[in-house]
Amino acid sequence: MSRVRLVPVLVIALISLAVLFGFWQAYQHYKLFGPLESELRDIPGVSHIALNTASGNSVVVQLGPFHTLENGDLQTTYESIESKVRSTLGTTESIVLEDKSNAFLSNEYVNLEPMIFEGIRDGQYTQMIQSVEKSANSQGVAARITMDAHHFFIQLQYGSHYFYKVLSYQLNGGGASS
């Protein structure tokens, strides 16, 4: 009967795991994240990308001001970002948008939220969009709200500061979530 020596088996197992882990990291960097970062940087309005793989994969995208976005539109830019992220990393990834907001714009958004959520709840989308844009404009804030079948895209700009928000919603009695 042969005896298996425990120390050499453990050393070989640890070396094998280290090599496999290294190959996995290299694969992620050169075949997934590197090309994705390059593709995202080519989208107008994207100024910085950070891929967070530590705690659940998320893609953090820093956007520039309105005029740098694709067609000056958050919806078009977000859809381009979403398409590239989904095709590369799959459907479980989350996209986090960063902007250059300030306290005034954050407060303005908080003041506009009731109108937004009432409009979503009541299904009065065009009326809600007009009311929100009018209310924001009365405060000197440039506002643009667009929507698709699943999201509202909210853009606010005041001076050199800008605020972006993407709200998910469901038709027919759903609701909104951010």
C-alpha atoms as a PDB file:
ATOM      1  CA  MET A   1       0.000   0.000   0.000  1.00  0.00           C
ATOM      2  CA  SER A   2       1.463   3.337  -0.991  1.00  0.00           C
ATOM      3  CA  ARG A   3       1.347   6.342   1.184  1.00  0.00           C
ATOM      4  CA  VAL A   4       0.408   9.703  -0.237  1.00  0.00           C
ATOM      5  CA  ARG A   5       2.486  12.507   1.145  1.00  0.00           C
ATOM      6  CA  LEU A   6       0.230  15.320   2.196  1.00  0.00           C
ATOM      7  CA  VAL A   7       2.664  18.251   1.863  1.00  0.00           C
ATOM      8  CA  PRO A   8       3.567  17.711  -1.826  1.00  0.00           C
ATOM      9  CA  VAL A   9      -0.104  17.179  -2.721  1.00  0.00           C
ATOM     10  CA  LEU A  10      -1.100  20.444  -0.991  1.00  0.00           C
ATOM     11  CA  VAL A  11       1.760  22.353  -2.623  1.00  0.00           C
ATOM     12  CA  ILE A  12       0.808  21.061  -6.083  1.00  0.00           C
ATOM     13  CA  ALA A  13      -2.869  21.894  -5.448  1.00  0.00           C
ATOM     14  CA  LEU A  14      -2.016  25.459  -4.329  1.00  0.00           C
ATOM     15  CA  ILE A  15       0.270  26.031  -7.316  1.00  0.00           C
ATOM     16  CA  SER A  16      -2.432  24.708  -9.674  1.00  0.00           C
ATOM     17  CA  LEU A  17      -5.045  27.007  -8.125  1.00  0.00           C
ATOM     18  CA  ALA A  18      -2.693  29.994  -8.349  1.00  0.00           C
ATOM     19  CA  VAL A  19      -1.978  29.316 -12.023  1.00  0.00           C
ATOM     20  CA  LEU A  20      -5.682  28.887 -12.828  1.00  0.00           C
ATOM     21  CA  PHE A  21      -6.549  32.063 -10.942  1.00  0.00           C
ATOM     22  CA  GLY A  22      -3.842  33.944 -12.838  1.00  0.00           C
ATOM     23  CA  PHE A  23      -5.149  32.695 -16.182  1.00  0.00           C
ATOM     24  CA  TRP A  24      -8.698  33.698 -15.191  1.00  0.00           C
ATOM     25  CA  GLN A  25      -7.559  37.197 -14.241  1.00  0.00           C
ATOM     26  CA  ALA A  26      -5.617  37.558 -17.505  1.00  0.00           C
ATOM     27  CA  TYR A  27      -8.619  36.338 -19.500  1.00  0.00           C
ATOM     28  CA  GLN A  28     -10.930  38.824 -17.793  1.00  0.00           C
ATOM     29  CA  HIS A  29      -8.536  41.714 -18.310  1.00  0.00           C
ATOM     30  CA  TYR A  30      -7.506  41.063 -21.920  1.00  0.00           C
ATOM     31  CA  LYS A  31     -10.604  39.395 -23.369  1.00  0.00           C
ATOM     32  CA  LEU A  32     -13.493  40.955 -21.421  1.00  0.00           C
ATOM     33  CA  PHE A  33     -12.747  44.164 -19.550  1.00  0.00           C
ATOM     34  CA  GLY A  34     -10.053  45.644 -21.782  1.00  0.00           C
ATOM     35  CA  PRO A  35     -12.094  45.442 -24.978  1.00  0.00           C
ATOM     36  CA  LEU A  36     -15.245  46.591 -23.145  1.00  0.00           C
ATOM     37  CA  GLU A  37     -13.466  49.656 -21.765  1.00  0.00           C
ATOM     38  CA  SER A  38     -12.192  50.472 -25.238  1.00  0.00           C
ATOM     39  CA  GLU A  39     -15.681  50.139 -26.760  1.00  0.00           C
ATOM     40  CA  LEU A  40     -17.261  52.267 -24.024  1.00  0.00           C
ATOM     41  CA  ARG A  41     -14.647  55.022 -24.393  1.00  0.00           C
ATOM     42  CA  ASP A  42     -15.659  55.320 -28.070  1.00  0.00           C
ATOM     43  CA  ILE A  43     -19.219  56.325 -27.097  1.00  0.00           C
ATOM     44  CA  PRO A  44     -19.691  60.115 -27.192  1.00  0.00           C
ATOM     45  CA  GLY A  45     -20.095  61.573 -23.695  1.00  0.00           C
ATOM     46  CA  VAL A  46     -18.259  58.818 -21.830  1.00  0.00           C
ATOM     47  CA  SER A  47     -15.327  60.371 -20.007  1.00  0.00           C
ATOM     48  CA  HIS A  48     -14.267  57.611 -17.587  1.00  0.00           C
ATOM     49  CA  ILE A  49     -15.011  53.924 -16.969  1.00  0.00           C
ATOM     50  CA  ALA A  50     -14.434  51.810 -13.880  1.00  0.00           C
ATOM     51  CA  LEU A  51     -15.231  48.122 -13.800  1.00  0.00           C
ATOM     52  CA  ASN A  52     -15.977  46.863 -10.305  1.00  0.00           C
ATOM     53  CA  THR A  53     -15.656  43.084 -10.193  1.00  0.00           C
ATOM     54  CA  ALA A  54     -15.072  42.725  -6.468  1.00  0.00           C
ATOM     55  CA  SER A  55     -18.633  42.822  -5.166  1.00  0.00           C
ATOM     56  CA  GLY A  56     -20.958  41.778  -7.940  1.00  0.00           C
ATOM     57  CA  ASN A  57     -19.995  43.078 -11.322  1.00  0.00           C
ATOM     58  CA  SER A  58     -20.887  46.668 -12.034  1.00  0.00           C
ATOM     59  CA  VAL A  59     -19.779  49.121 -14.666  1.00  0.00           C
ATOM     60  CA  VAL A  60     -19.363  52.686 -13.423  1.00  0.00           C
ATOM     61  CA  VAL A  61     -19.503  55.210 -16.266  1.00  0.00           C
ATOM     62  CA  GLN A  62     -18.658  58.888 -15.814  1.00  0.00           C
ATOM     63  CA  LEU A  63     -20.558  60.992 -18.339  1.00  0.00           C
ATOM     64  CA  GLY A  64     -19.786  64.479 -19.558  1.00  0.00           C
ATOM     65  CA  PRO A  65     -22.153  67.449 -19.988  1.00  0.00           C
ATOM     66  CA  PHE A  66     -25.226  67.374 -22.233  1.00  0.00           C
ATOM     67  CA  HIS A  67     -23.455  68.598 -25.354  1.00  0.00           C
ATOM     68  CA  THR A  68     -20.907  65.743 -25.197  1.00  0.00           C
ATOM     69  CA  LEU A  69     -23.549  63.001 -25.118  1.00  0.00           C
ATOM     70  CA  GLU A  70     -24.561  61.121 -28.230  1.00  0.00           C
ATOM     71  CA  ASN A  71     -27.009  63.541 -29.922  1.00  0.00           C
ATOM     72  CA  GLY A  72     -27.054  65.477 -26.614  1.00  0.00           C
ATOM     73  CA  ASP A  73     -29.335  62.731 -25.327  1.00  0.00           C
ATOM     74  CA  LEU A  74     -28.913  60.556 -22.238  1.00  0.00           C
ATOM     75  CA  GLN A  75     -31.240  57.879 -23.633  1.00  0.00           C
ATOM     76  CA  THR A  76     -29.179  57.325 -26.789  1.00  0.00           C
ATOM     77  CA  THR A  77     -25.929  57.302 -24.828  1.00  0.00           C
ATOM     78  CA  TYR A  78     -27.286  54.925 -22.164  1.00  0.00           C
ATOM     79  CA  GLU A  79     -28.673  52.529 -24.765  1.00  0.00           C
ATOM     80  CA  SER A  80     -25.259  52.397 -26.466  1.00  0.00           C
ATOM     81  CA  ILE A  81     -23.563  51.732 -23.119  1.00  0.00           C
ATOM     82  CA  GLU A  82     -26.145  49.120 -22.142  1.00  0.00           C
ATOM     83  CA  SER A  83     -25.852  47.332 -25.469  1.00  0.00           C
ATOM     84  CA  LYS A  84     -22.075  47.016 -25.214  1.00  0.00           C
ATOM     85  CA  VAL A  85     -22.135  45.941 -21.547  1.00  0.00           C
ATOM     86  CA  ARG A  86     -24.876  43.357 -22.103  1.00  0.00           C
ATOM     87  CA  SER A  87     -23.201  41.870 -25.174  1.00  0.00           C
ATOM     88  CA  THR A  88     -19.844  41.562 -23.398  1.00  0.00           C
ATOM     89  CA  LEU A  89     -20.679  40.739 -19.777  1.00  0.00           C
ATOM     90  CA  GLY A  90     -24.234  39.411 -19.867  1.00  0.00           C
ATOM     91  CA  THR A  91     -27.524  40.484 -18.374  1.00  0.00           C
ATOM     92  CA  THR A  92     -26.572  40.411 -14.700  1.00  0.00           C
ATOM     93  CA  GLU A  93     -24.313  43.431 -14.856  1.00  0.00           C
ATOM     94  CA  SER A  94     -25.393  46.746 -13.397  1.00  0.00           C
ATOM     95  CA  ILE A  95     -24.571  50.080 -14.950  1.00  0.00           C
ATOM     96  CA  VAL A  96     -23.931  53.016 -12.627  1.00  0.00           C
ATOM     97  CA  LEU A  97     -23.901  56.484 -14.152  1.00  0.00           C
ATOM     98  CA  GLU A  98     -21.847  59.209 -12.548  1.00  0.00           C
ATOM     99  CA  ASP A  99     -22.421  62.852 -13.285  1.00  0.00           C
ATOM    100  CA  LYS A 100     -21.159  66.207 -12.057  1.00  0.00           C
ATOM    101  CA  SER A 101     -24.029  67.207  -9.841  1.00  0.00           C
ATOM    102  CA  ASN A 102     -24.145  69.736  -7.034  1.00  0.00           C
ATOM    103  CA  ALA A 103     -26.456  70.302  -4.072  1.00  0.00           C
ATOM    104  CA  PHE A 104     -28.748  72.610  -6.070  1.00  0.00           C
ATOM    105  CA  LEU A 105     -29.342  70.034  -8.828  1.00  0.00           C
ATOM    106  CA  SER A 106     -29.782  67.205  -6.323  1.00  0.00           C
ATOM    107  CA  ASN A 107     -32.377  69.269  -4.457  1.00  0.00           C
ATOM    108  CA  GLU A 108     -34.092  70.170  -7.726  1.00  0.00           C
ATOM    109  CA  TYR A 109     -34.376  66.479  -8.592  1.00  0.00           C
ATOM    110  CA  VAL A 110     -35.805  65.722  -5.140  1.00  0.00           C
ATOM    111  CA  ASN A 111     -38.382  68.475  -5.709  1.00  0.00           C
ATOM    112  CA  LEU A 112     -39.291  67.023  -9.114  1.00  0.00           C
ATOM    113  CA  GLU A 113     -39.597  63.401  -7.919  1.00  0.00           C
ATOM    114  CA  PRO A 114     -43.243  63.677  -6.770  1.00  0.00           C
ATOM    115  CA  MET A 115     -44.294  64.907 -10.229  1.00  0.00           C
ATOM    116  CA  ILE A 116     -42.274  62.151 -11.874  1.00  0.00           C
ATOM    117  CA  PHE A 117     -43.650  59.344  -9.729  1.00  0.00           C
ATOM    118  CA  GLU A 118     -47.235  60.626  -9.947  1.00  0.00           C
ATOM    119  CA  GLY A 119     -46.942  60.744 -13.729  1.00  0.00           C
ATOM    120  CA  ILE A 120     -45.581  57.208 -13.807  1.00  0.00           C
ATOM    121  CA  ARG A 121     -48.263  55.946 -11.434  1.00  0.00           C
ATOM    122  CA  ASP A 122     -51.082  57.592 -13.357  1.00  0.00           C
ATOM    123  CA  GLY A 123     -49.657  56.785 -16.782  1.00  0.00           C
ATOM    124  CA  GLN A 124     -49.705  60.494 -17.707  1.00  0.00           C
ATOM    125  CA  TYR A 125     -46.268  60.425 -19.303  1.00  0.00           C
ATOM    126  CA  THR A 126     -46.449  63.339 -21.735  1.00  0.00           C
ATOM    127  CA  GLN A 127     -48.125  65.588 -19.180  1.00  0.00           C
ATOM    128  CA  MET A 128     -45.563  64.611 -16.528  1.00  0.00           C
ATOM    129  CA  ILE A 129     -42.633  65.274 -18.857  1.00  0.00           C
ATOM    130  CA  GLN A 130     -44.008  68.703 -19.785  1.00  0.00           C
ATOM    131  CA  SER A 131     -44.685  69.597 -16.128  1.00  0.00           C
ATOM    132  CA  VAL A 132     -41.247  68.504 -14.953  1.00  0.00           C
ATOM    133  CA  GLU A 133     -39.428  70.335 -17.743  1.00  0.00           C
ATOM    134  CA  LYS A 134     -41.506  73.487 -17.139  1.00  0.00           C
ATOM    135  CA  SER A 135     -40.907  73.370 -13.379  1.00  0.00           C
ATOM    136  CA  ALA A 136     -37.167  72.844 -13.840  1.00  0.00           C
ATOM    137  CA  ASN A 137     -36.941  75.645 -16.414  1.00  0.00           C
ATOM    138  CA  SER A 138     -38.655  78.031 -13.990  1.00  0.00           C
ATOM    139  CA  GLN A 139     -35.695  77.425 -11.636  1.00  0.00           C
ATOM    140  CA  GLY A 140     -33.171  78.105 -14.401  1.00  0.00           C
ATOM    141  CA  VAL A 141     -32.412  74.399 -14.860  1.00  0.00           C
ATOM    142  CA  ALA A 142     -32.213  72.923 -18.339  1.00  0.00           C
ATOM    143  CA  ALA A 143     -34.183  69.674 -18.266  1.00  0.00           C
ATOM    144  CA  ARG A 144     -34.791  66.884 -20.695  1.00  0.00           C
ATOM    145  CA  ILE A 145     -36.817  63.751 -20.004  1.00  0.00           C
ATOM    146  CA  THR A 146     -37.166  60.922 -22.479  1.00  0.00           C
ATOM    147  CA  MET A 147     -38.429  57.391 -22.137  1.00  0.00           C
ATOM    148  CA  ASP A 148     -38.438  53.998 -23.769  1.00  0.00           C
ATOM    149  CA  ALA A 149     -40.429  50.878 -22.928  1.00  0.00           C
ATOM    150  CA  HIS A 150     -38.503  50.270 -19.690  1.00  0.00           C
ATOM    151  CA  HIS A 151     -36.726  53.456 -18.546  1.00  0.00           C
ATOM    152  CA  PHE A 152     -37.106  57.172 -17.966  1.00  0.00           C
ATOM    153  CA  PHE A 153     -33.987  59.197 -18.732  1.00  0.00           C
ATOM    154  CA  ILE A 154     -33.713  62.418 -16.743  1.00  0.00           C
ATOM    155  CA  GLN A 155     -31.143  65.077 -17.590  1.00  0.00           C
ATOM    156  CA  LEU A 156     -30.767  68.257 -15.546  1.00  0.00           C
ATOM    157  CA  GLN A 157     -28.155  70.941 -16.099  1.00  0.00           C
ATOM    158  CA  TYR A 158     -27.419  74.146 -14.236  1.00  0.00           C
ATOM    159  CA  GLY A 159     -24.334  76.057 -15.279  1.00  0.00           C
ATOM    160  CA  SER A 160     -21.382  73.687 -15.475  1.00  0.00           C
ATOM    161  CA  HIS A 161     -23.104  71.040 -13.321  1.00  0.00           C
ATOM    162  CA  TYR A 162     -25.252  68.248 -14.688  1.00  0.00           C
ATOM    163  CA  PHE A 163     -27.346  65.447 -13.203  1.00  0.00           C
ATOM    164  CA  TYR A 164     -28.352  62.173 -14.876  1.00  0.00           C
ATOM    165  CA  LYS A 165     -30.855  59.618 -13.643  1.00  0.00           C
ATOM    166  CA  VAL A 166     -32.210  56.474 -15.254  1.00  0.00           C
ATOM    167  CA  LEU A 167     -35.421  55.174 -13.685  1.00  0.00           C
ATOM    168  CA  SER A 168     -36.774  51.742 -14.526  1.00  0.00           C
ATOM    169  CA  TYR A 169     -40.525  51.325 -14.735  1.00  0.00           C
ATOM    170  CA  GLN A 170     -43.147  48.831 -15.783  1.00  0.00           C
ATOM    171  CA  LEU A 171     -46.282  49.602 -17.711  1.00  0.00           C
ATOM    172  CA  ASN A 172     -49.743  48.637 -16.422  1.00  0.00           C
ATOM    173  CA  GLY A 173     -49.659  49.264 -12.727  1.00  0.00           C
ATOM    174  CA  GLY A 174     -45.942  48.726 -12.224  1.00  0.00           C
ATOM    175  CA  GLY A 175     -43.950  51.466 -10.669  1.00  0.00           C
ATOM    176  CA  ALA A 176     -40.583  53.070 -10.895  1.00  0.00           C
ATOM    177  CA  SER A 177     -37.286  52.133  -9.376  1.00  0.00           C
ATOM    178  CA  SER A 178     -33.832  53.559  -9.782  1.00  0.00           C
END
